[in-house]
Amino acid sequence: MKNIGVYILESRKNYRYYIGSTDNLNRRLKEHNAGRVFSTSKTRPLFLKAFIVCDNLAEARSSEYRLKKYKRRDIVEKAIKDLIFPWEF
């Protein structure tokens, strides 16, 4: 399984989503839950809701940016449910 893609985390503190991209999912999850990521350090613990595989890191970064631009919870939840990006529906 490829380890490059876009991940969606959910905070158990405020139930908000965080979207990111990585080439090493395990390392990135550890960084988030250890408090080493500024934007999520106050909302721990975080749980992985979805991971959408991409071909390369450049595609993952652009897909992360595009998904964040939607700013709608229902669209993010659809991506979590279907494990595909909203522009692929």
PDB file of N, CA and C in Angstrom:
ATOM      1  N   MET A   1       0.832  -1.199   0.000  1.00  0.00           N
ATOM      2  CA  MET A   1       0.000   0.000   0.000  1.00  0.00           C
ATOM      3  C   MET A   1       0.867   1.249   0.000  1.00  0.00           C
ATOM      4  N   LYS A   2       0.501   2.188  -0.831  1.00  0.00           N
ATOM      5  CA  LYS A   2       1.242   3.440  -0.870  1.00  0.00           C
ATOM      6  C   LYS A   2       0.982   4.234   0.397  1.00  0.00           C
ATOM      7  N   ASN A   3       1.961   5.008   0.786  1.00  0.00           N
ATOM      8  CA  ASN A   3       1.850   5.804   2.004  1.00  0.00           C
ATOM      9  C   ASN A   3       1.827   7.298   1.672  1.00  0.00           C
ATOM     10  N   ILE A   4       1.547   7.631   0.411  1.00  0.00           N
ATOM     11  CA  ILE A   4       1.484   9.024  -0.024  1.00  0.00           C
ATOM     12  C   ILE A   4       0.021   9.364  -0.255  1.00  0.00           C
ATOM     13  N   GLY A   5      -0.436  10.461   0.351  1.00  0.00           N
ATOM     14  CA  GLY A   5      -1.819  10.843   0.132  1.00  0.00           C
ATOM     15  C   GLY A   5      -2.292  11.935   1.060  1.00  0.00           C
ATOM     16  N   VAL A   6      -3.598  12.118   1.071  1.00  0.00           N
ATOM     17  CA  VAL A   6      -4.264  13.138   1.879  1.00  0.00           C
ATOM     18  C   VAL A   6      -4.958  12.427   3.035  1.00  0.00           C
ATOM     19  N   TYR A   7      -4.763  12.965   4.237  1.00  0.00           N
ATOM     20  CA  TYR A   7      -5.411  12.378   5.403  1.00  0.00           C
ATOM     21  C   TYR A   7      -6.380  13.371   6.024  1.00  0.00           C
ATOM     22  N   ILE A   8      -7.398  12.832   6.660  1.00  0.00           N
ATOM     23  CA  ILE A   8      -8.379  13.655   7.367  1.00  0.00           C
ATOM     24  C   ILE A   8      -8.432  13.144   8.794  1.00  0.00           C
ATOM     25  N   LEU A   9      -8.150  14.031   9.732  1.00  0.00           N
ATOM     26  CA  LEU A   9      -8.183  13.711  11.154  1.00  0.00           C
ATOM     27  C   LEU A   9      -9.397  14.370  11.789  1.00  0.00           C
ATOM     28  N   GLU A  10      -9.892  13.770  12.862  1.00  0.00           N
ATOM     29  CA  GLU A  10     -10.971  14.381  13.627  1.00  0.00           C
ATOM     30  C   GLU A  10     -10.509  14.534  15.066  1.00  0.00           C
ATOM     31  N   SER A  11     -10.754  15.706  15.624  1.00  0.00           N
ATOM     32  CA  SER A  11     -10.422  15.973  17.019  1.00  0.00           C
ATOM     33  C   SER A  11     -11.520  15.429  17.914  1.00  0.00           C
ATOM     34  N   ARG A  12     -11.138  14.745  18.982  1.00  0.00           N
ATOM     35  CA  ARG A  12     -12.123  14.273  19.960  1.00  0.00           C
ATOM     36  C   ARG A  12     -12.444  15.359  20.983  1.00  0.00           C
ATOM     37  N   LYS A  13     -11.696  16.448  20.900  1.00  0.00           N
ATOM     38  CA  LYS A  13     -11.945  17.562  21.820  1.00  0.00           C
ATOM     39  C   LYS A  13     -13.047  18.483  21.298  1.00  0.00           C
ATOM     40  N   ASN A  14     -12.968  18.850  20.015  1.00  0.00           N
ATOM     41  CA  ASN A  14     -13.973  19.763  19.457  1.00  0.00           C
ATOM     42  C   ASN A  14     -14.675  19.207  18.213  1.00  0.00           C
ATOM     43  N   TYR A  15     -14.364  17.979  17.839  1.00  0.00           N
ATOM     44  CA  TYR A  15     -14.996  17.274  16.720  1.00  0.00           C
ATOM     45  C   TYR A  15     -14.859  17.998  15.382  1.00  0.00           C
ATOM     46  N   ARG A  16     -13.780  18.738  15.228  1.00  0.00           N
ATOM     47  CA  ARG A  16     -13.496  19.390  13.952  1.00  0.00           C
ATOM     48  C   ARG A  16     -12.519  18.537  13.164  1.00  0.00           C
ATOM     49  N   TYR A  17     -12.522  18.759  11.841  1.00  0.00           N
ATOM     50  CA  TYR A  17     -11.640  18.009  10.962  1.00  0.00           C
ATOM     51  C   TYR A  17     -10.372  18.806  10.683  1.00  0.00           C
ATOM     52  N   TYR A  18      -9.281  18.070  10.470  1.00  0.00           N
ATOM     53  CA  TYR A  18      -8.028  18.651  10.009  1.00  0.00           C
ATOM     54  C   TYR A  18      -7.628  17.863   8.774  1.00  0.00           C
ATOM     55  N   ILE A  19      -7.269  18.563   7.715  1.00  0.00           N
ATOM     56  CA  ILE A  19      -6.875  17.936   6.454  1.00  0.00           C
ATOM     57  C   ILE A  19      -5.404  18.206   6.223  1.00  0.00           C
ATOM     58  N   GLY A  20      -4.658  17.175   5.854  1.00  0.00           N
ATOM     59  CA  GLY A  20      -3.236  17.321   5.578  1.00  0.00           C
ATOM     60  C   GLY A  20      -2.797  16.323   4.528  1.00  0.00           C
ATOM     61  N   SER A  21      -1.542  16.442   4.112  1.00  0.00           N
ATOM     62  CA  SER A  21      -0.976  15.495   3.148  1.00  0.00           C
ATOM     63  C   SER A  21       0.397  15.068   3.646  1.00  0.00           C
ATOM     64  N   THR A  22       0.805  13.873   3.245  1.00  0.00           N
ATOM     65  CA  THR A  22       2.063  13.335   3.741  1.00  0.00           C
ATOM     66  C   THR A  22       2.583  12.237   2.832  1.00  0.00           C
ATOM     67  N   ASP A  23       3.851  11.908   3.041  1.00  0.00           N
ATOM     68  CA  ASP A  23       4.435  10.737   2.398  1.00  0.00           C
ATOM     69  C   ASP A  23       4.778   9.669   3.438  1.00  0.00           C
ATOM     70  N   ASN A  24       4.426   9.944   4.709  1.00  0.00           N
ATOM     71  CA  ASN A  24       4.656   8.983   5.791  1.00  0.00           C
ATOM     72  C   ASN A  24       3.548   9.163   6.825  1.00  0.00           C
ATOM     73  N   LEU A  25       2.478   8.432   6.669  1.00  0.00           N
ATOM     74  CA  LEU A  25       1.287   8.621   7.487  1.00  0.00           C
ATOM     75  C   LEU A  25       1.538   8.336   8.972  1.00  0.00           C
ATOM     76  N   ASN A  26       2.230   7.248   9.285  1.00  0.00           N
ATOM     77  CA  ASN A  26       2.471   6.909  10.689  1.00  0.00           C
ATOM     78  C   ASN A  26       3.251   7.994  11.421  1.00  0.00           C
ATOM     79  N   ARG A  27       4.302   8.500  10.784  1.00  0.00           N
ATOM     80  CA  ARG A  27       5.092   9.570  11.390  1.00  0.00           C
ATOM     81  C   ARG A  27       4.250  10.818  11.605  1.00  0.00           C
ATOM     82  N   ARG A  28       3.445  11.157  10.622  1.00  0.00           N
ATOM     83  CA  ARG A  28       2.639  12.373  10.704  1.00  0.00           C
ATOM     84  C   ARG A  28       1.580  12.283  11.802  1.00  0.00           C
ATOM     85  N   LEU A  29       0.942  11.134  11.949  1.00  0.00           N
ATOM     86  CA  LEU A  29      -0.043  10.955  13.019  1.00  0.00           C
ATOM     87  C   LEU A  29       0.611  11.094  14.391  1.00  0.00           C
ATOM     88  N   LYS A  30       1.806  10.531  14.536  1.00  0.00           N
ATOM     89  CA  LYS A  30       2.537  10.650  15.802  1.00  0.00           C
ATOM     90  C   LYS A  30       2.867  12.108  16.096  1.00  0.00           C
ATOM     91  N   GLU A  31       3.267  12.863  15.077  1.00  0.00           N
ATOM     92  CA  GLU A  31       3.573  14.288  15.264  1.00  0.00           C
ATOM     93  C   GLU A  31       2.341  15.059  15.723  1.00  0.00           C
ATOM     94  N   HIS A  32       1.202  14.792  15.105  1.00  0.00           N
ATOM     95  CA  HIS A  32      -0.037  15.473  15.489  1.00  0.00           C
ATOM     96  C   HIS A  32      -0.401  15.162  16.939  1.00  0.00           C
ATOM     97  N   ASN A  33      -0.392  13.898  17.310  1.00  0.00           N
ATOM     98  CA  ASN A  33      -0.830  13.512  18.643  1.00  0.00           C
ATOM     99  C   ASN A  33       0.205  13.792  19.730  1.00  0.00           C
ATOM    100  N   ALA A  34       1.446  14.079  19.344  1.00  0.00           N
ATOM    101  CA  ALA A  34       2.465  14.475  20.312  1.00  0.00           C
ATOM    102  C   ALA A  34       2.440  15.986  20.551  1.00  0.00           C
ATOM    103  N   GLY A  35       1.642  16.713  19.784  1.00  0.00           N
ATOM    104  CA  GLY A  35       1.542  18.163  19.945  1.00  0.00           C
ATOM    105  C   GLY A  35       2.591  18.944  19.195  1.00  0.00           C
ATOM    106  N   ARG A  36       3.268  18.316  18.241  1.00  0.00           N
ATOM    107  CA  ARG A  36       4.325  19.000  17.491  1.00  0.00           C
ATOM    108  C   ARG A  36       3.818  19.746  16.267  1.00  0.00           C
ATOM    109  N   VAL A  37       2.511  19.703  16.017  1.00  0.00           N
ATOM    110  CA  VAL A  37       1.905  20.450  14.907  1.00  0.00           C
ATOM    111  C   VAL A  37       1.085  21.573  15.533  1.00  0.00           C
ATOM    112  N   PHE A  38       1.474  22.808  15.273  1.00  0.00           N
ATOM    113  CA  PHE A  38       0.865  23.964  15.932  1.00  0.00           C
ATOM    114  C   PHE A  38      -0.653  24.009  15.764  1.00  0.00           C
ATOM    115  N   SER A  39      -1.134  23.770  14.554  1.00  0.00           N
ATOM    116  CA  SER A  39      -2.567  23.942  14.285  1.00  0.00           C
ATOM    117  C   SER A  39      -3.440  22.894  14.968  1.00  0.00           C
ATOM    118  N   THR A  40      -2.871  21.788  15.399  1.00  0.00           N
ATOM    119  CA  THR A  40      -3.672  20.757  16.062  1.00  0.00           C
ATOM    120  C   THR A  40      -3.235  20.486  17.499  1.00  0.00           C
ATOM    121  N   SER A  41      -2.268  21.208  17.993  1.00  0.00           N
ATOM    122  CA  SER A  41      -1.728  20.904  19.317  1.00  0.00           C
ATOM    123  C   SER A  41      -2.729  21.108  20.448  1.00  0.00           C
ATOM    124  N   LYS A  42      -3.674  22.007  20.276  1.00  0.00           N
ATOM    125  CA  LYS A  42      -4.666  22.284  21.326  1.00  0.00           C
ATOM    126  C   LYS A  42      -5.926  21.419  21.200  1.00  0.00           C
ATOM    127  N   THR A  43      -6.021  20.614  20.140  1.00  0.00           N
ATOM    128  CA  THR A  43      -7.250  19.857  19.898  1.00  0.00           C
ATOM    129  C   THR A  43      -7.035  18.352  20.012  1.00  0.00           C
ATOM    130  N   ARG A  44      -5.971  17.937  20.639  1.00  0.00           N
ATOM    131  CA  ARG A  44      -5.699  16.497  20.784  1.00  0.00           C
ATOM    132  C   ARG A  44      -6.666  15.870  21.769  1.00  0.00           C
ATOM    133  N   PRO A  45      -6.923  14.591  21.650  1.00  0.00           N
ATOM    134  CA  PRO A  45      -6.391  13.612  20.705  1.00  0.00           C
ATOM    135  C   PRO A  45      -7.086  13.686  19.347  1.00  0.00           C
ATOM    136  N   LEU A  46      -6.350  13.254  18.341  1.00  0.00           N
ATOM    137  CA  LEU A  46      -6.840  13.246  16.962  1.00  0.00           C
ATOM    138  C   LEU A  46      -6.880  11.813  16.468  1.00  0.00           C
ATOM    139  N   PHE A  47      -7.911  11.506  15.694  1.00  0.00           N
ATOM    140  CA  PHE A  47      -8.071  10.162  15.156  1.00  0.00           C
ATOM    141  C   PHE A  47      -8.186  10.226  13.644  1.00  0.00           C
ATOM    142  N   LEU A  48      -7.578   9.261  12.976  1.00  0.00           N
ATOM    143  CA  LEU A  48      -7.629   9.189  11.524  1.00  0.00           C
ATOM    144  C   LEU A  48      -9.024   8.786  11.078  1.00  0.00           C
ATOM    145  N   LYS A  49      -9.646   9.627  10.256  1.00  0.00           N
ATOM    146  CA  LYS A  49     -10.967   9.333   9.709  1.00  0.00           C
ATOM    147  C   LYS A  49     -10.867   8.762   8.296  1.00  0.00           C
ATOM    148  N   ALA A  50      -9.899   9.266   7.513  1.00  0.00           N
ATOM    149  CA  ALA A  50      -9.764   8.794   6.133  1.00  0.00           C
ATOM    150  C   ALA A  50      -8.358   9.056   5.624  1.00  0.00           C
ATOM    151  N   PHE A  51      -7.931   8.216   4.697  1.00  0.00           N
ATOM    152  CA  PHE A  51      -6.667   8.418   3.992  1.00  0.00           C
ATOM    153  C   PHE A  51      -6.924   8.107   2.533  1.00  0.00           C
ATOM    154  N   ILE A  52      -6.719   9.095   1.675  1.00  0.00           N
ATOM    155  CA  ILE A  52      -6.950   8.940   0.242  1.00  0.00           C
ATOM    156  C   ILE A  52      -5.599   8.909  -0.448  1.00  0.00           C
ATOM    157  N   VAL A  53      -5.288   7.794  -1.088  1.00  0.00           N
ATOM    158  CA  VAL A  53      -3.984   7.572  -1.712  1.00  0.00           C
ATOM    159  C   VAL A  53      -3.839   8.435  -2.965  1.00  0.00           C
ATOM    160  N   CYS A  54      -2.634   8.992  -3.145  1.00  0.00           N
ATOM    161  CA  CYS A  54      -2.287   9.774  -4.333  1.00  0.00           C
ATOM    162  C   CYS A  54      -1.053   9.150  -4.975  1.00  0.00           C
ATOM    163  N   ASP A  55      -0.806   9.495  -6.230  1.00  0.00           N
ATOM    164  CA  ASP A  55       0.336   8.930  -6.957  1.00  0.00           C
ATOM    165  C   ASP A  55       1.668   9.485  -6.493  1.00  0.00           C
ATOM    166  N   ASN A  56       1.683  10.773  -6.120  1.00  0.00           N
ATOM    167  CA  ASN A  56       2.931  11.384  -5.680  1.00  0.00           C
ATOM    168  C   ASN A  56       2.624  12.513  -4.705  1.00  0.00           C
ATOM    169  N   LEU A  57       3.652  13.045  -4.083  1.00  0.00           N
ATOM    170  CA  LEU A  57       3.465  14.063  -3.062  1.00  0.00           C
ATOM    171  C   LEU A  57       2.936  15.373  -3.642  1.00  0.00           C
ATOM    172  N   ALA A  58       3.327  15.706  -4.848  1.00  0.00           N
ATOM    173  CA  ALA A  58       2.828  16.935  -5.481  1.00  0.00           C
ATOM    174  C   ALA A  58       1.308  16.850  -5.689  1.00  0.00           C
ATOM    175  N   GLU A  59       0.826  15.700  -6.122  1.00  0.00           N
ATOM    176  CA  GLU A  59      -0.627  15.509  -6.290  1.00  0.00           C
ATOM    177  C   GLU A  59      -1.334  15.563  -4.937  1.00  0.00           C
ATOM    178  N   ALA A  60      -0.711  14.985  -3.916  1.00  0.00           N
ATOM    179  CA  ALA A  60      -1.300  15.005  -2.577  1.00  0.00           C
ATOM    180  C   ALA A  60      -1.411  16.431  -2.052  1.00  0.00           C
ATOM    181  N   ARG A  61      -0.381  17.230  -2.230  1.00  0.00           N
ATOM    182  CA  ARG A  61      -0.397  18.613  -1.750  1.00  0.00           C
ATOM    183  C   ARG A  61      -1.464  19.436  -2.475  1.00  0.00           C
ATOM    184  N   SER A  62      -1.564  19.277  -3.790  1.00  0.00           N
ATOM    185  CA  SER A  62      -2.570  20.048  -4.526  1.00  0.00           C
ATOM    186  C   SER A  62      -3.984  19.574  -4.171  1.00  0.00           C
ATOM    187  N   SER A  63      -4.172  18.289  -3.947  1.00  0.00           N
ATOM    188  CA  SER A  63      -5.489  17.777  -3.555  1.00  0.00           C
ATOM    189  C   SER A  63      -5.855  18.247  -2.152  1.00  0.00           C
ATOM    190  N   GLU A  64      -4.886  18.294  -1.248  1.00  0.00           N
ATOM    191  CA  GLU A  64      -5.126  18.827   0.106  1.00  0.00           C
ATOM    192  C   GLU A  64      -5.596  20.273   0.026  1.00  0.00           C
ATOM    193  N   TYR A  65      -4.888  21.083  -0.742  1.00  0.00           N
ATOM    194  CA  TYR A  65      -5.236  22.495  -0.888  1.00  0.00           C
ATOM    195  C   TYR A  65      -6.635  22.658  -1.476  1.00  0.00           C
ATOM    196  N   ARG A  66      -6.930  21.852  -2.491  1.00  0.00           N
ATOM    197  CA  ARG A  66      -8.230  21.941  -3.158  1.00  0.00           C
ATOM    198  C   ARG A  66      -9.369  21.528  -2.218  1.00  0.00           C
ATOM    199  N   LEU A  67      -9.152  20.477  -1.427  1.00  0.00           N
ATOM    200  CA  LEU A  67     -10.172  20.019  -0.489  1.00  0.00           C
ATOM    201  C   LEU A  67     -10.400  21.042   0.620  1.00  0.00           C
ATOM    202  N   LYS A  68      -9.341  21.684   1.081  1.00  0.00           N
ATOM    203  CA  LYS A  68      -9.470  22.704   2.129  1.00  0.00           C
ATOM    204  C   LYS A  68     -10.255  23.921   1.632  1.00  0.00           C
ATOM    205  N   LYS A  69     -10.170  24.218   0.351  1.00  0.00           N
ATOM    206  CA  LYS A  69     -10.875  25.378  -0.202  1.00  0.00           C
ATOM    207  C   LYS A  69     -12.393  25.233  -0.146  1.00  0.00           C
ATOM    208  N   TYR A  70     -12.915  24.017  -0.083  1.00  0.00           N
ATOM    209  CA  TYR A  70     -14.363  23.821  -0.020  1.00  0.00           C
ATOM    210  C   TYR A  70     -14.954  24.374   1.268  1.00  0.00           C
ATOM    211  N   LYS A  71     -14.271  24.194   2.399  1.00  0.00           N
ATOM    212  CA  LYS A  71     -14.696  24.738   3.698  1.00  0.00           C
ATOM    213  C   LYS A  71     -16.116  24.334   4.069  1.00  0.00           C
ATOM    214  N   ARG A  72     -16.510  23.144   3.670  1.00  0.00           N
ATOM    215  CA  ARG A  72     -17.856  22.659   4.005  1.00  0.00           C
ATOM    216  C   ARG A  72     -17.746  21.275   4.615  1.00  0.00           C
ATOM    217  N   ARG A  73     -18.332  21.123   5.781  1.00  0.00           N
ATOM    218  CA  ARG A  73     -18.275  19.861   6.516  1.00  0.00           C
ATOM    219  C   ARG A  73     -18.917  18.711   5.736  1.00  0.00           C
ATOM    220  N   ASP A  74     -20.026  18.979   5.056  1.00  0.00           N
ATOM    221  CA  ASP A  74     -20.700  17.908   4.330  1.00  0.00           C
ATOM    222  C   ASP A  74     -19.846  17.357   3.192  1.00  0.00           C
ATOM    223  N   ILE A  75     -19.066  18.206   2.555  1.00  0.00           N
ATOM    224  CA  ILE A  75     -18.198  17.751   1.472  1.00  0.00           C
ATOM    225  C   ILE A  75     -17.057  16.914   2.027  1.00  0.00           C
ATOM    226  N   VAL A  76     -16.484  17.349   3.138  1.00  0.00           N
ATOM    227  CA  VAL A  76     -15.412  16.584   3.774  1.00  0.00           C
ATOM    228  C   VAL A  76     -15.946  15.227   4.245  1.00  0.00           C
ATOM    229  N   GLU A  77     -17.132  15.206   4.811  1.00  0.00           N
ATOM    230  CA  GLU A  77     -17.719  13.940   5.268  1.00  0.00           C
ATOM    231  C   GLU A  77     -18.028  13.002   4.105  1.00  0.00           C
ATOM    232  N   LYS A  78     -18.394  13.551   2.958  1.00  0.00           N
ATOM    233  CA  LYS A  78     -18.611  12.728   1.762  1.00  0.00           C
ATOM    234  C   LYS A  78     -17.291  12.112   1.305  1.00  0.00           C
ATOM    235  N   ALA A  79     -16.215  12.879   1.356  1.00  0.00           N
ATOM    236  CA  ALA A  79     -14.893  12.359   1.000  1.00  0.00           C
ATOM    237  C   ALA A  79     -14.475  11.262   1.974  1.00  0.00           C
ATOM    238  N   ILE A  80     -14.788  11.435   3.261  1.00  0.00           N
ATOM    239  CA  ILE A  80     -14.475  10.414   4.262  1.00  0.00           C
ATOM    240  C   ILE A  80     -15.262   9.135   3.977  1.00  0.00           C
ATOM    241  N   LYS A  81     -16.529   9.278   3.695  1.00  0.00           N
ATOM    242  CA  LYS A  81     -17.403   8.120   3.466  1.00  0.00           C
ATOM    243  C   LYS A  81     -16.996   7.343   2.211  1.00  0.00           C
ATOM    244  N   ASP A  82     -16.722   8.073   1.121  1.00  0.00           N
ATOM    245  CA  ASP A  82     -16.455   7.438  -0.165  1.00  0.00           C
ATOM    246  C   ASP A  82     -14.977   7.174  -0.440  1.00  0.00           C
ATOM    247  N   LEU A  83     -14.093   7.799   0.351  1.00  0.00           N
ATOM    248  CA  LEU A  83     -12.633   7.705   0.175  1.00  0.00           C
ATOM    249  C   LEU A  83     -12.173   8.125  -1.216  1.00  0.00           C
ATOM    250  N   ILE A  84     -12.876   9.121  -1.759  1.00  0.00           N
ATOM    251  CA  ILE A  84     -12.442   9.761  -3.003  1.00  0.00           C
ATOM    252  C   ILE A  84     -12.637  11.264  -2.842  1.00  0.00           C
ATOM    253  N   PHE A  85     -11.962  12.023  -3.679  1.00  0.00           N
ATOM    254  CA  PHE A  85     -12.080  13.474  -3.610  1.00  0.00           C
ATOM    255  C   PHE A  85     -13.411  13.928  -4.215  1.00  0.00           C
ATOM    256  N   PRO A  86     -13.961  15.047  -3.744  1.00  0.00           N
ATOM    257  CA  PRO A  86     -15.277  15.498  -4.226  1.00  0.00           C
ATOM    258  C   PRO A  86     -15.317  15.824  -5.709  1.00  0.00           C
ATOM    259  N   TRP A  87     -14.211  16.139  -6.299  1.00  0.00           N
ATOM    260  CA  TRP A  87     -14.217  16.471  -7.731  1.00  0.00           C
ATOM    261  C   TRP A  87     -14.165  15.196  -8.573  1.00  0.00           C
ATOM    262  N   GLU A  88     -14.102  14.019  -7.942  1.00  0.00           N
ATOM    263  CA  GLU A  88     -14.128  12.753  -8.660  1.00  0.00           C
ATOM    264  C   GLU A  88     -15.505  12.101  -8.628  1.00  0.00           C
ATOM    265  N   PHE A  89     -16.489  12.756  -8.006  1.00  0.00           N
ATOM    266  CA  PHE A  89     -17.836  12.164  -7.882  1.00  0.00           C
ATOM    267  C   PHE A  89     -18.472  12.002  -9.238  1.00  0.00           C
TER     268      PHE A  89
END
